[in-house]
Amino acid sequence: MKEFRTILFATDFSQGAISAFEKALSLSLSLKAKLLVLHVISEPVDLRGFYVPHISFEKLEQEFAEGAERMMAAFVKEHLEGVGDCETIVSPGLPHDEIIKTAKAKEADVIVLGTHGRTGLDHVLFGSTAEKVVRKSPIPVLTVRIPN
């Protein structure tokens, strides 16, 4: 069986994602594996061509990126103080694509994600990043059901 030397945990910084993070951290510590913490800034709707008062599209993207970096810094301070081998990544893009792309680039052995377990209309309307990653990833994926 292949050893897990690098674990990629993707987060949206929601309170529910903490359950999945705890599993990823526990796995990382028990296996002495590197932990990668990824947050993907979802690409905002392209508003060019529409009237959007007081802010340009480029400024909006910049503010999203700065906010995500601040959230990552707060996450690290709260949850990763003293954790040895870890790396944080903030990247723009479509979450499922970016998670898989980053996992491949960083040679992750497993991806850990939280999932809301939505069904029916909720699933149709909101989709599921976790489901898309599971279906498309060549890398094993561990999903952790986020408590309701």
N, C-alpha and C. Protein backbone atom coordinates (compact mmCIF):
# COMPACT_ATOMS: atom_id res chain seq x y z
N MET A 1 0.84 -1.19 0.00
CA MET A 1 0.00 0.00 0.00
C MET A 1 0.88 1.25 0.00
N LYS A 2 0.49 2.21 -0.80
CA LYS A 2 1.25 3.45 -0.92
C LYS A 2 1.12 4.27 0.37
N GLU A 3 2.23 4.84 0.81
CA GLU A 3 2.22 5.70 2.00
C GLU A 3 1.65 7.07 1.66
N PHE A 4 0.98 7.66 2.62
CA PHE A 4 0.51 9.03 2.48
C PHE A 4 1.58 9.95 3.05
N ARG A 5 2.30 10.62 2.17
CA ARG A 5 3.34 11.55 2.61
C ARG A 5 2.87 13.00 2.52
N THR A 6 1.88 13.25 1.67
CA THR A 6 1.35 14.61 1.51
C THR A 6 -0.17 14.54 1.47
N ILE A 7 -0.80 15.32 2.34
CA ILE A 7 -2.26 15.35 2.45
C ILE A 7 -2.74 16.76 2.11
N LEU A 8 -3.65 16.85 1.17
CA LEU A 8 -4.22 18.15 0.81
C LEU A 8 -5.60 18.27 1.44
N PHE A 9 -5.78 19.30 2.25
CA PHE A 9 -7.08 19.61 2.84
C PHE A 9 -7.58 20.89 2.20
N ALA A 10 -8.78 20.84 1.62
CA ALA A 10 -9.38 22.03 1.01
C ALA A 10 -10.47 22.56 1.93
N THR A 11 -10.47 23.87 2.14
CA THR A 11 -11.43 24.46 3.06
C THR A 11 -12.12 25.68 2.47
N ASP A 12 -13.36 25.88 2.92
CA ASP A 12 -14.07 27.11 2.57
C ASP A 12 -14.17 28.02 3.79
N PHE A 13 -13.45 27.65 4.86
CA PHE A 13 -13.40 28.38 6.13
C PHE A 13 -14.72 28.36 6.90
N SER A 14 -15.65 27.54 6.49
CA SER A 14 -16.91 27.46 7.22
C SER A 14 -16.68 26.70 8.53
N GLN A 15 -17.55 26.94 9.48
CA GLN A 15 -17.45 26.25 10.75
C GLN A 15 -17.54 24.73 10.56
N GLY A 16 -18.37 24.33 9.62
CA GLY A 16 -18.52 22.90 9.36
C GLY A 16 -17.27 22.24 8.82
N ALA A 17 -16.44 22.99 8.11
CA ALA A 17 -15.23 22.41 7.53
C ALA A 17 -14.21 22.01 8.60
N ILE A 18 -14.40 22.50 9.82
CA ILE A 18 -13.48 22.17 10.90
C ILE A 18 -13.46 20.66 11.18
N SER A 19 -14.60 19.97 11.07
CA SER A 19 -14.63 18.50 11.27
C SER A 19 -13.70 17.82 10.28
N ALA A 20 -13.76 18.24 9.05
CA ALA A 20 -12.90 17.65 8.03
C ALA A 20 -11.44 18.00 8.30
N PHE A 21 -11.20 19.23 8.74
CA PHE A 21 -9.84 19.64 9.06
C PHE A 21 -9.26 18.78 10.19
N GLU A 22 -10.07 18.53 11.21
CA GLU A 22 -9.60 17.71 12.33
C GLU A 22 -9.17 16.33 11.86
N LYS A 23 -9.92 15.76 10.92
CA LYS A 23 -9.55 14.45 10.36
C LYS A 23 -8.25 14.56 9.56
N ALA A 24 -8.13 15.61 8.76
CA ALA A 24 -6.93 15.80 7.95
C ALA A 24 -5.70 16.00 8.83
N LEU A 25 -5.85 16.81 9.87
CA LEU A 25 -4.74 17.07 10.78
C LEU A 25 -4.34 15.80 11.53
N SER A 26 -5.33 15.07 12.01
CA SER A 26 -5.06 13.82 12.73
C SER A 26 -4.33 12.82 11.84
N LEU A 27 -4.79 12.71 10.60
CA LEU A 27 -4.15 11.82 9.63
C LEU A 27 -2.71 12.26 9.37
N SER A 28 -2.53 13.55 9.18
CA SER A 28 -1.21 14.11 8.92
C SER A 28 -0.25 13.84 10.08
N LEU A 29 -0.71 14.08 11.30
CA LEU A 29 0.16 13.89 12.47
C LEU A 29 0.48 12.41 12.69
N SER A 30 -0.53 11.55 12.54
CA SER A 30 -0.30 10.13 12.79
C SER A 30 0.61 9.50 11.73
N LEU A 31 0.55 10.00 10.52
CA LEU A 31 1.38 9.45 9.44
C LEU A 31 2.67 10.23 9.21
N LYS A 32 2.83 11.31 9.98
CA LYS A 32 3.98 12.21 9.81
C LYS A 32 4.05 12.71 8.36
N ALA A 33 2.89 13.07 7.84
CA ALA A 33 2.77 13.53 6.45
C ALA A 33 2.68 15.06 6.41
N LYS A 34 3.11 15.62 5.33
CA LYS A 34 2.98 17.06 5.12
C LYS A 34 1.50 17.39 4.92
N LEU A 35 1.04 18.48 5.53
CA LEU A 35 -0.35 18.91 5.38
C LEU A 35 -0.39 20.18 4.55
N LEU A 36 -1.11 20.11 3.43
CA LEU A 36 -1.35 21.28 2.59
C LEU A 36 -2.77 21.76 2.87
N VAL A 37 -2.92 23.04 3.16
CA VAL A 37 -4.24 23.62 3.41
C VAL A 37 -4.54 24.58 2.26
N LEU A 38 -5.57 24.25 1.50
CA LEU A 38 -5.92 25.02 0.30
C LEU A 38 -7.27 25.70 0.47
N HIS A 39 -7.32 26.96 0.10
CA HIS A 39 -8.60 27.67 -0.02
C HIS A 39 -8.67 28.20 -1.45
N VAL A 40 -9.78 27.89 -2.11
CA VAL A 40 -9.97 28.36 -3.48
C VAL A 40 -10.95 29.52 -3.46
N ILE A 41 -10.52 30.63 -4.02
CA ILE A 41 -11.39 31.79 -4.16
C ILE A 41 -12.23 31.53 -5.39
N SER A 42 -13.51 31.28 -5.19
CA SER A 42 -14.41 31.02 -6.32
C SER A 42 -14.39 32.21 -7.25
N GLU A 43 -14.33 31.91 -8.53
CA GLU A 43 -14.34 33.00 -9.51
C GLU A 43 -15.67 33.72 -9.44
N PRO A 44 -15.61 35.05 -9.20
CA PRO A 44 -16.88 35.78 -9.14
C PRO A 44 -17.53 35.87 -10.52
N VAL A 45 -18.80 36.12 -10.51
CA VAL A 45 -19.51 36.30 -11.76
C VAL A 45 -18.89 37.49 -12.49
N ASP A 46 -18.66 37.34 -13.77
CA ASP A 46 -18.07 38.42 -14.55
C ASP A 46 -19.12 39.51 -14.77
N LEU A 47 -18.89 40.64 -14.15
CA LEU A 47 -19.85 41.75 -14.21
C LEU A 47 -19.46 42.80 -15.23
N ARG A 48 -18.39 42.56 -15.98
CA ARG A 48 -18.01 43.54 -17.00
C ARG A 48 -19.13 43.66 -18.01
N GLY A 49 -19.40 44.88 -18.40
CA GLY A 49 -20.49 45.12 -19.35
C GLY A 49 -21.78 45.50 -18.65
N PHE A 50 -21.82 45.31 -17.33
CA PHE A 50 -22.98 45.72 -16.54
C PHE A 50 -22.57 46.93 -15.71
N TYR A 51 -23.53 47.70 -15.32
CA TYR A 51 -23.23 48.84 -14.46
C TYR A 51 -23.13 48.36 -13.02
N VAL A 52 -21.95 48.45 -12.46
CA VAL A 52 -21.73 48.12 -11.05
C VAL A 52 -21.12 49.38 -10.43
N PRO A 53 -21.86 50.08 -9.62
CA PRO A 53 -21.38 51.36 -9.09
C PRO A 53 -20.22 51.21 -8.11
N HIS A 54 -19.30 52.13 -8.17
CA HIS A 54 -18.25 52.37 -7.17
C HIS A 54 -17.16 51.32 -7.05
N ILE A 55 -17.14 50.29 -7.87
CA ILE A 55 -16.06 49.32 -7.74
C ILE A 55 -15.81 48.65 -9.09
N SER A 56 -14.55 48.51 -9.44
CA SER A 56 -14.21 47.84 -10.69
C SER A 56 -14.09 46.34 -10.45
N PHE A 57 -14.18 45.58 -11.52
CA PHE A 57 -14.07 44.13 -11.43
C PHE A 57 -12.71 43.74 -10.87
N GLU A 58 -11.65 44.42 -11.33
CA GLU A 58 -10.30 44.12 -10.86
C GLU A 58 -10.17 44.40 -9.36
N LYS A 59 -10.77 45.50 -8.92
CA LYS A 59 -10.74 45.85 -7.49
C LYS A 59 -11.49 44.80 -6.67
N LEU A 60 -12.60 44.32 -7.19
CA LEU A 60 -13.38 43.28 -6.51
C LEU A 60 -12.56 42.00 -6.37
N GLU A 61 -11.87 41.58 -7.43
CA GLU A 61 -11.02 40.40 -7.37
C GLU A 61 -9.91 40.58 -6.34
N GLN A 62 -9.32 41.78 -6.31
CA GLN A 62 -8.25 42.08 -5.36
C GLN A 62 -8.77 42.00 -3.92
N GLU A 63 -9.96 42.53 -3.68
CA GLU A 63 -10.52 42.49 -2.33
C GLU A 63 -10.85 41.06 -1.91
N PHE A 64 -11.34 40.24 -2.84
CA PHE A 64 -11.58 38.82 -2.53
C PHE A 64 -10.26 38.14 -2.13
N ALA A 65 -9.22 38.39 -2.91
CA ALA A 65 -7.91 37.77 -2.64
C ALA A 65 -7.36 38.21 -1.29
N GLU A 66 -7.44 39.50 -1.00
CA GLU A 66 -6.93 40.01 0.28
C GLU A 66 -7.74 39.44 1.46
N GLY A 67 -9.05 39.35 1.29
CA GLY A 67 -9.90 38.77 2.34
C GLY A 67 -9.58 37.31 2.57
N ALA A 68 -9.36 36.56 1.50
CA ALA A 68 -9.02 35.14 1.62
C ALA A 68 -7.68 34.95 2.32
N GLU A 69 -6.71 35.79 2.01
CA GLU A 69 -5.40 35.72 2.66
C GLU A 69 -5.53 36.01 4.16
N ARG A 70 -6.36 36.99 4.52
CA ARG A 70 -6.58 37.29 5.94
C ARG A 70 -7.26 36.11 6.65
N MET A 71 -8.24 35.51 5.98
CA MET A 71 -8.92 34.35 6.57
C MET A 71 -7.96 33.17 6.74
N MET A 72 -7.07 32.97 5.78
CA MET A 72 -6.09 31.89 5.88
C MET A 72 -5.14 32.16 7.04
N ALA A 73 -4.69 33.40 7.19
CA ALA A 73 -3.79 33.75 8.29
C ALA A 73 -4.47 33.48 9.65
N ALA A 74 -5.75 33.85 9.76
CA ALA A 74 -6.50 33.61 10.99
C ALA A 74 -6.66 32.11 11.24
N PHE A 75 -6.92 31.34 10.18
CA PHE A 75 -7.06 29.89 10.29
C PHE A 75 -5.76 29.26 10.79
N VAL A 76 -4.66 29.69 10.21
CA VAL A 76 -3.35 29.17 10.61
C VAL A 76 -3.09 29.49 12.08
N LYS A 77 -3.35 30.73 12.47
CA LYS A 77 -3.10 31.14 13.85
C LYS A 77 -3.95 30.32 14.83
N GLU A 78 -5.20 30.05 14.47
CA GLU A 78 -6.10 29.33 15.37
C GLU A 78 -5.87 27.82 15.37
N HIS A 79 -5.54 27.24 14.21
CA HIS A 79 -5.54 25.77 14.11
C HIS A 79 -4.18 25.14 13.82
N LEU A 80 -3.21 25.91 13.37
CA LEU A 80 -1.95 25.29 12.95
C LEU A 80 -0.73 25.77 13.73
N GLU A 81 -0.95 26.50 14.83
CA GLU A 81 0.16 26.94 15.67
C GLU A 81 0.93 25.71 16.13
N GLY A 82 2.21 25.67 15.87
CA GLY A 82 3.04 24.57 16.34
C GLY A 82 3.00 23.30 15.50
N VAL A 83 2.18 23.28 14.47
CA VAL A 83 2.14 22.10 13.59
C VAL A 83 3.35 22.21 12.66
N GLY A 84 4.11 21.15 12.61
CA GLY A 84 5.37 21.16 11.86
C GLY A 84 5.26 21.36 10.37
N ASP A 85 5.07 20.28 9.66
CA ASP A 85 5.19 20.30 8.21
C ASP A 85 3.85 20.63 7.55
N CYS A 86 3.62 21.92 7.33
CA CYS A 86 2.38 22.31 6.65
C CYS A 86 2.64 23.50 5.73
N GLU A 87 1.77 23.64 4.76
CA GLU A 87 1.87 24.73 3.78
C GLU A 87 0.46 25.20 3.48
N THR A 88 0.31 26.51 3.32
CA THR A 88 -1.01 27.05 2.97
C THR A 88 -0.97 27.61 1.55
N ILE A 89 -2.13 27.49 0.90
CA ILE A 89 -2.25 27.94 -0.48
C ILE A 89 -3.61 28.61 -0.64
N VAL A 90 -3.61 29.80 -1.21
CA VAL A 90 -4.84 30.48 -1.58
C VAL A 90 -4.77 30.69 -3.09
N SER A 91 -5.80 30.20 -3.78
CA SER A 91 -5.75 30.21 -5.24
C SER A 91 -7.13 30.53 -5.82
N PRO A 92 -7.19 31.36 -6.86
CA PRO A 92 -8.48 31.62 -7.49
C PRO A 92 -8.82 30.52 -8.50
N GLY A 93 -10.10 30.34 -8.76
CA GLY A 93 -10.51 29.38 -9.77
C GLY A 93 -11.81 28.70 -9.43
N LEU A 94 -12.13 27.69 -10.22
CA LEU A 94 -13.28 26.85 -9.92
C LEU A 94 -12.83 25.85 -8.86
N PRO A 95 -13.51 25.80 -7.73
CA PRO A 95 -13.01 24.98 -6.61
C PRO A 95 -12.61 23.56 -6.98
N HIS A 96 -13.48 22.79 -7.64
CA HIS A 96 -13.13 21.39 -7.91
C HIS A 96 -11.92 21.28 -8.84
N ASP A 97 -11.84 22.14 -9.84
CA ASP A 97 -10.70 22.10 -10.76
C ASP A 97 -9.41 22.47 -10.04
N GLU A 98 -9.47 23.51 -9.24
CA GLU A 98 -8.28 24.01 -8.55
C GLU A 98 -7.79 23.01 -7.49
N ILE A 99 -8.71 22.35 -6.81
CA ILE A 99 -8.33 21.35 -5.81
C ILE A 99 -7.55 20.21 -6.49
N ILE A 100 -8.08 19.71 -7.59
CA ILE A 100 -7.42 18.62 -8.30
C ILE A 100 -6.09 19.08 -8.89
N LYS A 101 -6.09 20.24 -9.49
CA LYS A 101 -4.86 20.78 -10.10
C LYS A 101 -3.76 20.95 -9.04
N THR A 102 -4.12 21.51 -7.89
CA THR A 102 -3.14 21.72 -6.82
C THR A 102 -2.65 20.39 -6.26
N ALA A 103 -3.57 19.45 -6.07
CA ALA A 103 -3.18 18.13 -5.55
C ALA A 103 -2.17 17.46 -6.48
N LYS A 104 -2.41 17.56 -7.79
CA LYS A 104 -1.47 16.98 -8.76
C LYS A 104 -0.13 17.70 -8.71
N ALA A 105 -0.16 19.03 -8.72
CA ALA A 105 1.07 19.83 -8.75
C ALA A 105 1.92 19.60 -7.50
N LYS A 106 1.26 19.43 -6.36
CA LYS A 106 1.98 19.24 -5.09
C LYS A 106 2.20 17.77 -4.76
N GLU A 107 1.81 16.90 -5.69
CA GLU A 107 1.97 15.45 -5.54
C GLU A 107 1.34 14.93 -4.25
N ALA A 108 0.12 15.39 -3.98
CA ALA A 108 -0.62 14.93 -2.81
C ALA A 108 -0.99 13.46 -2.98
N ASP A 109 -0.99 12.74 -1.88
CA ASP A 109 -1.35 11.33 -1.91
C ASP A 109 -2.82 11.12 -1.61
N VAL A 110 -3.46 12.10 -0.97
CA VAL A 110 -4.88 12.03 -0.66
C VAL A 110 -5.41 13.45 -0.52
N ILE A 111 -6.68 13.63 -0.87
CA ILE A 111 -7.38 14.91 -0.72
C ILE A 111 -8.44 14.70 0.36
N VAL A 112 -8.52 15.62 1.33
CA VAL A 112 -9.53 15.54 2.37
C VAL A 112 -10.46 16.73 2.22
N LEU A 113 -11.77 16.44 2.15
CA LEU A 113 -12.79 17.47 1.95
C LEU A 113 -13.97 17.25 2.88
N GLY A 114 -14.58 18.33 3.27
CA GLY A 114 -15.85 18.23 3.98
C GLY A 114 -16.97 18.22 2.96
N THR A 115 -18.07 17.56 3.31
CA THR A 115 -19.23 17.57 2.43
C THR A 115 -20.48 17.77 3.25
N HIS A 116 -21.40 18.55 2.70
CA HIS A 116 -22.65 18.84 3.40
C HIS A 116 -23.66 17.72 3.24
N GLY A 117 -23.45 16.85 2.28
CA GLY A 117 -24.39 15.75 2.06
C GLY A 117 -25.73 16.23 1.55
N ARG A 118 -25.74 17.29 0.75
CA ARG A 118 -27.00 17.80 0.21
C ARG A 118 -27.61 16.79 -0.75
N THR A 119 -28.93 16.80 -0.81
CA THR A 119 -29.63 15.93 -1.74
C THR A 119 -30.74 16.72 -2.40
N GLY A 120 -31.37 16.11 -3.37
CA GLY A 120 -32.55 16.70 -4.01
C GLY A 120 -32.28 18.06 -4.62
N LEU A 121 -33.22 18.97 -4.42
CA LEU A 121 -33.16 20.30 -5.03
C LEU A 121 -31.95 21.08 -4.54
N ASP A 122 -31.61 20.95 -3.24
CA ASP A 122 -30.42 21.61 -2.72
C ASP A 122 -29.19 21.23 -3.53
N HIS A 123 -29.06 19.92 -3.80
CA HIS A 123 -27.90 19.43 -4.54
C HIS A 123 -27.90 19.98 -5.97
N VAL A 124 -29.07 19.99 -6.59
CA VAL A 124 -29.18 20.50 -7.96
C VAL A 124 -28.82 21.98 -8.02
N LEU A 125 -29.31 22.75 -7.07
CA LEU A 125 -29.07 24.20 -7.08
C LEU A 125 -27.65 24.58 -6.68
N PHE A 126 -27.11 23.91 -5.68
CA PHE A 126 -25.80 24.30 -5.17
C PHE A 126 -24.66 23.45 -5.69
N GLY A 127 -24.97 22.28 -6.24
CA GLY A 127 -23.92 21.40 -6.72
C GLY A 127 -23.12 20.87 -5.55
N SER A 128 -22.08 20.19 -5.83
CA SER A 128 -21.24 19.68 -4.77
C SER A 128 -19.79 19.65 -5.24
N THR A 129 -19.00 20.51 -4.64
CA THR A 129 -17.57 20.52 -4.96
C THR A 129 -16.98 19.15 -4.64
N ALA A 130 -17.34 18.62 -3.47
CA ALA A 130 -16.79 17.32 -3.07
C ALA A 130 -17.12 16.24 -4.09
N GLU A 131 -18.38 16.22 -4.54
CA GLU A 131 -18.77 15.21 -5.52
C GLU A 131 -17.97 15.35 -6.82
N LYS A 132 -17.78 16.58 -7.28
CA LYS A 132 -17.01 16.79 -8.51
C LYS A 132 -15.56 16.35 -8.34
N VAL A 133 -14.99 16.62 -7.17
CA VAL A 133 -13.61 16.20 -6.92
C VAL A 133 -13.54 14.67 -6.90
N VAL A 134 -14.47 14.03 -6.20
CA VAL A 134 -14.49 12.56 -6.13
C VAL A 134 -14.59 11.96 -7.53
N ARG A 135 -15.48 12.52 -8.36
CA ARG A 135 -15.68 11.96 -9.71
C ARG A 135 -14.49 12.18 -10.62
N LYS A 136 -13.80 13.31 -10.49
CA LYS A 136 -12.79 13.69 -11.48
C LYS A 136 -11.34 13.48 -11.03
N SER A 137 -11.10 13.29 -9.74
CA SER A 137 -9.74 13.22 -9.24
C SER A 137 -9.09 11.86 -9.47
N PRO A 138 -7.86 11.87 -9.98
CA PRO A 138 -7.11 10.62 -10.08
C PRO A 138 -6.46 10.27 -8.74
N ILE A 139 -6.55 11.19 -7.78
CA ILE A 139 -5.96 11.03 -6.46
C ILE A 139 -7.08 10.61 -5.50
N PRO A 140 -6.81 9.68 -4.58
CA PRO A 140 -7.85 9.27 -3.63
C PRO A 140 -8.41 10.47 -2.85
N VAL A 141 -9.70 10.42 -2.55
CA VAL A 141 -10.38 11.51 -1.85
C VAL A 141 -11.08 10.94 -0.62
N LEU A 142 -10.84 11.58 0.52
CA LEU A 142 -11.52 11.24 1.76
C LEU A 142 -12.52 12.35 2.03
N THR A 143 -13.81 12.01 2.04
CA THR A 143 -14.83 13.01 2.35
C THR A 143 -15.30 12.81 3.78
N VAL A 144 -15.51 13.94 4.46
CA VAL A 144 -15.96 13.93 5.83
C VAL A 144 -17.29 14.66 5.88
N ARG A 145 -18.31 13.97 6.32
CA ARG A 145 -19.64 14.58 6.39
C ARG A 145 -19.64 15.66 7.46
N ILE A 146 -20.02 16.86 7.07
CA ILE A 146 -20.08 17.99 7.99
C ILE A 146 -21.38 17.87 8.78
N PRO A 147 -21.27 17.89 10.12
CA PRO A 147 -22.49 17.77 10.93
C PRO A 147 -23.45 18.93 10.67
N ASN A 148 -24.75 18.64 10.67
CA ASN A 148 -25.76 19.69 10.43
C ASN A 148 -25.95 20.54 11.65
